[in-house]
Amino acid sequence: MTALAGLLALLLHLALLVAVAPFLTGLVRWAKARMVGRLGPPPQQPWRDLIRLLRKQPVVAEGTSWLFRVAPAVSLSASLAAIALVPSFALGMATADVSDLLVIAGLLALSRAVTALAAMDTGTAFGGIGASREMAFATFAEPGLFLFVFTLALLANTTNLDAIVGQIATGAFGLRVSMALSLVGLAAVAVAECGRIPVDNPATHLELTMVHEAMVLEYSGRHLAMIELGAALRLLLWMSLLACVFAPFAIAHAAGPTLLWIPAALVWVIKIALLGLALSAFETTRAKLRVFRVPEFLGVALLLGLLAAILLFVSQGFA
């Protein structure tokens, strides 16, 4: 029964996240528009765009290889696999044993790398610019992510996300300065990984400012739909990661009563909505950084992660 409940929780988890991801992107766009005094598109508009793109035949650029055609499916599959490992409303899902932070980081890196390779496969200037900038930013963002993983591993003696969230939810660690530093640092890394302001602006198509959008300019139809859905899933993944690690309250367990899943799912939706509104407010009050200033922004995240790891290591050493 435990295995069956874990499998059922996983299926509901995936269905919920796939359904919510485009709405989250729409909520951020709508909230940003309202904050600057515009009406803005409704939150369900990304779902309408995805349905419209799925009905269209993709146009493939001349001279591209098989990599260009399979990259959207590979990127989306990697994003789906990664988001299946991040708990939302319940712990103990069927993927709990393999829910490792290093595995999640590897899947995100795979999604990013295959998109960058496909962008260079087109041979266009935009694709090359976007791919080079994307990989350069990842060079600065990933050390901050791994320092966050190192901090949690020191704290919980494991890199398994399900086990880490379970320990934090019980209040075993209490309030720690290292966790506060990790929260700010991981939020900065999430902004960079999702291509949000101030690192990138997903609403622009200006040559000098594009990063992610420059890599996918040659895609259309169902290929573009897969890319857009993958981007929405990655944004939801990072917000779910922040919610489950730093606010793991009201989270159920797959082996517990099934009726508890409903309030846990509602609380999770509220957490994600609040994070989406916080992202909207942050992006509204910030301007996009110049490309050469992005390493400074990510350097702060790296420094915070390093301070968190050092403080935790020293405190445990003297305990």
Protein backbone atom coordinates (compact mmCIF):
# COMPACT_ATOMS: atom_id res chain seq x y z
CA MET A 1 0.00 0.00 0.00
CA THR A 2 2.88 2.38 0.75
CA ALA A 3 4.36 1.92 -2.72
CA LEU A 4 0.95 2.39 -4.34
CA ALA A 5 0.32 5.56 -2.32
CA GLY A 6 3.75 6.89 -3.30
CA LEU A 7 3.03 6.23 -6.97
CA LEU A 8 -0.39 7.88 -6.75
CA ALA A 9 1.10 10.91 -4.98
CA LEU A 10 3.74 11.19 -7.71
CA LEU A 11 1.15 11.10 -10.50
CA LEU A 12 -0.96 13.76 -8.76
CA HIS A 13 2.19 15.79 -8.12
CA LEU A 14 3.15 15.76 -11.81
CA ALA A 15 -0.39 16.55 -12.98
CA LEU A 16 -0.65 19.43 -10.52
CA LEU A 17 2.71 20.95 -11.46
CA VAL A 18 2.16 20.67 -15.22
CA ALA A 19 -1.23 22.35 -14.79
CA VAL A 20 0.03 25.10 -12.48
CA ALA A 21 3.31 25.97 -14.26
CA PRO A 22 1.78 28.03 -17.14
CA PHE A 23 -0.61 29.70 -14.70
CA LEU A 24 2.36 30.76 -12.55
CA THR A 25 4.03 32.38 -15.56
CA GLY A 26 0.74 34.11 -16.38
CA LEU A 27 0.31 35.25 -12.78
CA VAL A 28 3.76 36.87 -12.77
CA ARG A 29 3.03 38.68 -16.05
CA TRP A 30 -0.42 39.82 -14.88
CA ALA A 31 0.86 41.03 -11.51
CA LYS A 32 3.72 42.97 -13.13
CA ALA A 33 1.28 44.67 -15.48
CA ARG A 34 -1.07 45.59 -12.64
CA MET A 35 1.81 47.00 -10.56
CA VAL A 36 2.70 49.45 -13.31
CA GLY A 37 -0.91 50.46 -13.96
CA ARG A 38 -1.69 48.29 -16.99
CA LEU A 39 -4.48 45.73 -17.36
CA GLY A 40 -2.21 42.95 -18.59
CA PRO A 41 -3.08 39.52 -19.99
CA PRO A 42 -5.09 37.13 -17.80
CA PRO A 43 -3.11 34.47 -15.85
CA GLN A 44 -4.44 31.70 -18.11
CA GLN A 45 -2.98 33.32 -21.25
CA PRO A 46 0.16 31.07 -21.32
CA TRP A 47 -2.09 28.00 -21.50
CA ARG A 48 -3.91 29.55 -24.46
CA ASP A 49 -0.58 30.25 -26.15
CA LEU A 50 0.59 26.67 -25.60
CA ILE A 51 -2.61 25.24 -27.09
CA ARG A 52 -2.30 27.58 -30.09
CA LEU A 53 1.35 26.60 -30.67
CA LEU A 54 0.58 22.88 -30.40
CA ARG A 55 -1.87 23.23 -33.29
CA LYS A 56 0.77 24.75 -35.56
CA GLN A 57 3.24 22.90 -37.76
CA PRO A 58 6.83 23.74 -36.77
CA VAL A 59 9.09 25.41 -39.30
CA VAL A 60 12.63 24.02 -39.16
CA ALA A 61 15.56 26.24 -40.13
CA GLU A 62 17.62 25.14 -43.10
CA GLY A 63 20.98 23.56 -42.42
CA THR A 64 20.12 22.34 -38.92
CA SER A 65 20.83 18.79 -37.77
CA TRP A 66 18.78 16.28 -35.82
CA LEU A 67 19.90 17.98 -32.60
CA PHE A 68 17.78 21.04 -33.38
CA ARG A 69 14.68 18.84 -33.74
CA VAL A 70 15.12 16.71 -30.62
CA ALA A 71 16.41 19.46 -28.30
CA PRO A 72 12.94 20.74 -27.23
CA ALA A 73 11.79 17.23 -26.29
CA VAL A 74 15.03 16.47 -24.42
CA SER A 75 14.92 19.81 -22.57
CA LEU A 76 11.27 19.31 -21.60
CA SER A 77 11.91 15.71 -20.49
CA ALA A 78 14.82 16.81 -18.30
CA SER A 79 12.66 19.53 -16.74
CA LEU A 80 9.85 17.04 -16.09
CA ALA A 81 12.27 14.57 -14.53
CA ALA A 82 13.75 17.28 -12.31
CA ILE A 83 10.40 18.59 -11.14
CA ALA A 84 9.28 15.03 -10.31
CA LEU A 85 12.06 14.96 -7.69
CA VAL A 86 11.04 18.17 -5.87
CA PRO A 87 8.25 17.62 -3.30
CA SER A 88 5.18 19.83 -3.53
CA PHE A 89 2.30 18.78 -1.26
CA ALA A 90 3.62 15.42 -0.03
CA LEU A 91 6.80 13.66 0.99
CA GLY A 92 7.51 9.98 0.41
CA MET A 93 6.53 9.90 -3.26
CA ALA A 94 7.73 7.10 -5.53
CA THR A 95 10.77 9.21 -6.49
CA ALA A 96 11.76 9.96 -2.87
CA ASP A 97 14.76 7.61 -2.91
CA VAL A 98 16.29 9.29 -5.98
CA SER A 99 15.26 12.82 -5.02
CA ASP A 100 18.84 14.01 -4.75
CA LEU A 101 19.84 17.66 -5.06
CA LEU A 102 22.82 16.71 -7.22
CA VAL A 103 20.57 14.79 -9.58
CA ILE A 104 18.23 17.78 -9.83
CA ALA A 105 21.17 20.08 -10.59
CA GLY A 106 22.39 17.65 -13.26
CA LEU A 107 18.99 17.48 -14.96
CA LEU A 108 18.74 21.27 -15.02
CA ALA A 109 22.23 21.46 -16.50
CA LEU A 110 21.23 18.92 -19.18
CA SER A 111 18.19 21.01 -20.12
CA ARG A 112 20.31 24.14 -20.38
CA ALA A 113 23.15 22.49 -22.30
CA VAL A 114 20.97 20.84 -24.96
CA THR A 115 19.14 24.14 -25.58
CA ALA A 116 22.46 25.96 -25.97
CA LEU A 117 23.78 23.33 -28.39
CA ALA A 118 20.60 23.57 -30.46
CA ALA A 119 20.96 27.36 -30.55
CA MET A 120 24.48 27.06 -31.94
CA ASP A 121 23.31 24.40 -34.40
CA THR A 122 21.27 27.03 -36.27
CA GLY A 123 24.43 28.97 -37.10
CA THR A 124 22.78 32.35 -36.48
CA ALA A 125 24.35 35.24 -34.62
CA PHE A 126 21.46 35.43 -32.16
CA GLY A 127 21.78 31.74 -31.28
CA GLY A 128 25.50 32.01 -30.66
CA ILE A 129 25.13 35.13 -28.51
CA GLY A 130 22.37 33.60 -26.43
CA ALA A 131 24.19 30.28 -25.95
CA SER A 132 27.47 31.92 -24.94
CA ARG A 133 25.74 34.21 -22.44
CA GLU A 134 23.64 31.38 -21.02
CA MET A 135 26.65 29.16 -20.38
CA ALA A 136 28.69 32.07 -19.02
CA PHE A 137 25.97 32.91 -16.50
CA ALA A 138 25.70 29.23 -15.55
CA THR A 139 29.42 29.24 -14.77
CA PHE A 140 28.75 31.78 -12.01
CA ALA A 141 25.36 30.43 -10.88
CA GLU A 142 26.20 26.75 -10.43
CA PRO A 143 28.90 27.26 -7.75
CA GLY A 144 26.31 29.10 -5.66
CA LEU A 145 23.87 26.21 -6.14
CA PHE A 146 26.45 23.64 -5.09
CA LEU A 147 27.36 25.66 -2.01
CA PHE A 148 23.67 25.59 -1.08
CA VAL A 149 23.69 21.80 -1.55
CA PHE A 150 26.85 21.56 0.55
CA THR A 151 25.24 23.60 3.34
CA LEU A 152 22.16 21.38 3.45
CA ALA A 153 24.36 18.27 3.31
CA LEU A 154 26.33 19.49 6.34
CA LEU A 155 23.10 20.21 8.16
CA ALA A 156 21.18 17.01 7.37
CA ASN A 157 24.04 14.60 6.57
CA THR A 158 22.45 13.79 3.22
CA THR A 159 21.79 15.35 -0.18
CA ASN A 160 18.42 13.62 -0.52
CA LEU A 161 15.89 16.43 -0.80
CA ASP A 162 12.98 14.37 0.57
CA ALA A 163 14.97 13.52 3.71
CA ILE A 164 16.18 17.10 4.11
CA VAL A 165 12.66 18.54 3.88
CA GLY A 166 11.40 15.92 6.32
CA GLN A 167 14.03 16.93 8.89
CA ILE A 168 13.42 20.66 8.45
CA ALA A 169 9.65 20.15 8.74
CA THR A 170 10.09 18.55 12.16
CA GLY A 171 12.01 21.60 13.42
CA ALA A 172 15.15 19.57 14.06
CA PHE A 173 17.50 22.41 13.06
CA GLY A 174 15.72 25.45 14.48
CA LEU A 175 16.54 28.94 13.25
CA ARG A 176 20.00 29.30 11.74
CA VAL A 177 21.80 32.23 10.15
CA SER A 178 23.24 29.88 7.55
CA MET A 179 19.74 29.01 6.33
CA ALA A 180 18.84 32.70 5.97
CA LEU A 181 22.00 33.31 3.93
CA SER A 182 21.25 30.24 1.83
CA LEU A 183 17.72 31.52 1.17
CA VAL A 184 18.95 34.82 -0.27
CA GLY A 185 21.74 33.16 -2.24
CA LEU A 186 19.49 30.46 -3.68
CA ALA A 187 16.87 33.04 -4.65
CA ALA A 188 19.53 34.92 -6.63
CA VAL A 189 20.61 31.69 -8.35
CA ALA A 190 16.96 30.90 -9.15
CA VAL A 191 16.53 34.31 -10.78
CA ALA A 192 19.56 33.66 -12.99
CA GLU A 193 18.59 30.07 -13.85
CA CYS A 194 15.07 31.12 -14.85
CA GLY A 195 16.27 34.08 -16.92
CA ARG A 196 14.39 36.68 -14.91
CA ILE A 197 15.17 40.34 -14.19
CA PRO A 198 17.81 41.59 -13.37
CA VAL A 199 19.79 38.85 -15.16
CA ASP A 200 17.55 38.52 -18.22
CA ASN A 201 14.21 39.90 -19.38
CA PRO A 202 11.89 37.22 -20.81
CA ALA A 203 9.64 39.91 -22.32
CA THR A 204 12.26 41.50 -24.57
CA HIS A 205 13.64 40.67 -28.00
CA LEU A 206 16.33 43.32 -28.15
CA GLU A 207 19.63 42.06 -29.53
CA LEU A 208 21.84 43.53 -26.82
CA THR A 209 19.78 42.17 -23.92
CA MET A 210 18.51 38.74 -25.04
CA VAL A 211 19.84 35.57 -23.44
CA HIS A 212 17.29 32.76 -23.30
CA GLU A 213 15.04 34.27 -25.96
CA ALA A 214 17.97 34.52 -28.36
CA MET A 215 18.49 30.75 -28.15
CA VAL A 216 14.93 29.87 -29.14
CA LEU A 217 14.21 32.45 -31.84
CA GLU A 218 14.34 29.81 -34.60
CA TYR A 219 11.71 27.57 -32.98
CA SER A 220 8.01 27.58 -33.80
CA GLY A 221 4.91 25.42 -33.51
CA ARG A 222 4.96 22.46 -31.15
CA HIS A 223 8.74 22.78 -30.72
CA LEU A 224 8.27 26.26 -29.26
CA ALA A 225 5.39 24.98 -27.13
CA MET A 226 7.69 22.39 -25.54
CA ILE A 227 10.33 25.04 -24.88
CA GLU A 228 7.81 27.43 -23.30
CA LEU A 229 6.35 24.68 -21.13
CA GLY A 230 9.84 23.62 -20.05
CA ALA A 231 10.68 27.21 -19.06
CA ALA A 232 7.47 27.44 -17.03
CA LEU A 233 8.26 24.14 -15.32
CA ARG A 234 11.74 25.29 -14.39
CA LEU A 235 10.37 28.48 -12.85
CA LEU A 236 7.89 26.42 -10.83
CA LEU A 237 10.65 23.98 -9.87
CA TRP A 238 12.77 26.71 -8.30
CA MET A 239 9.81 28.16 -6.44
CA SER A 240 8.80 24.71 -5.21
CA LEU A 241 12.38 24.14 -4.05
CA LEU A 242 12.36 27.41 -2.10
CA ALA A 243 8.94 26.59 -0.63
CA CYS A 244 9.71 23.04 0.45
CA VAL A 245 13.13 23.81 1.97
CA PHE A 246 12.47 27.14 3.67
CA ALA A 247 8.70 26.85 4.35
CA PRO A 248 7.96 23.12 4.70
CA PHE A 249 4.91 23.58 6.91
CA ALA A 250 1.57 21.89 6.16
CA ILE A 251 3.21 19.27 3.97
CA ALA A 252 1.65 15.80 3.99
CA HIS A 253 3.18 12.35 3.61
CA ALA A 254 2.27 9.91 0.88
CA ALA A 255 1.96 7.09 3.41
CA GLY A 256 -0.42 9.11 5.60
CA PRO A 257 -4.13 9.77 5.18
CA THR A 258 -5.05 10.64 1.61
CA LEU A 259 -7.51 13.32 2.74
CA LEU A 260 -4.58 15.37 4.07
CA TRP A 261 -3.27 15.76 0.51
CA ILE A 262 -6.02 18.23 -0.39
CA PRO A 263 -5.25 20.91 2.27
CA ALA A 264 -1.52 20.32 1.72
CA ALA A 265 -1.96 20.95 -2.02
CA LEU A 266 -3.96 24.12 -1.31
CA VAL A 267 -1.28 25.42 1.04
CA TRP A 268 1.36 24.64 -1.60
CA VAL A 269 -0.60 26.60 -4.21
CA ILE A 270 -0.78 29.56 -1.83
CA LYS A 271 2.98 29.41 -1.23
CA ILE A 272 3.68 29.38 -4.97
CA ALA A 273 1.24 32.25 -5.58
CA LEU A 274 2.91 34.35 -2.88
CA LEU A 275 6.35 33.63 -4.32
CA GLY A 276 5.07 34.54 -7.78
CA LEU A 277 3.74 37.86 -6.48
CA ALA A 278 7.06 38.48 -4.69
CA LEU A 279 8.91 37.84 -7.96
CA SER A 280 6.59 40.27 -9.74
CA ALA A 281 7.24 42.98 -7.17
CA PHE A 282 11.00 42.38 -7.33
CA GLU A 283 11.10 42.57 -11.12
CA THR A 284 8.91 45.69 -11.16
CA THR A 285 11.28 47.57 -8.86
CA ARG A 286 14.49 46.41 -10.54
CA ALA A 287 16.09 47.19 -13.90
CA LYS A 288 17.91 44.67 -16.02
CA LEU A 289 21.63 44.62 -15.38
CA ARG A 290 24.19 45.07 -18.12
CA VAL A 291 25.66 41.77 -19.25
CA PHE A 292 29.01 42.53 -17.64
CA ARG A 293 27.33 43.30 -14.31
CA VAL A 294 25.62 39.91 -14.03
CA PRO A 295 28.77 38.17 -12.63
CA GLU A 296 28.74 40.72 -9.80
CA PHE A 297 25.12 39.85 -9.00
CA LEU A 298 25.84 36.13 -9.02
CA GLY A 299 29.07 36.73 -7.11
CA VAL A 300 26.97 38.00 -4.21
CA ALA A 301 24.97 34.75 -4.29
CA LEU A 302 28.23 32.78 -4.30
CA LEU A 303 29.56 34.80 -1.37
CA LEU A 304 26.36 34.26 0.63
CA GLY A 305 26.51 30.53 -0.04
CA LEU A 306 30.15 30.44 1.04
CA LEU A 307 29.39 32.35 4.24
CA ALA A 308 26.49 30.00 4.99
CA ALA A 309 28.69 26.92 4.57
CA ILE A 310 31.52 28.40 6.66
CA LEU A 311 29.21 29.52 9.49
CA LEU A 312 27.55 26.13 9.62
CA PHE A 313 30.85 24.28 9.48
CA VAL A 314 32.35 26.41 12.28
CA SER A 315 29.24 26.14 14.49
CA GLN A 316 29.14 22.38 14.11
CA GLY A 317 32.85 22.14 14.72
CA PHE A 318 32.57 23.89 18.09
CA ALA A 319 29.34 22.11 19.07
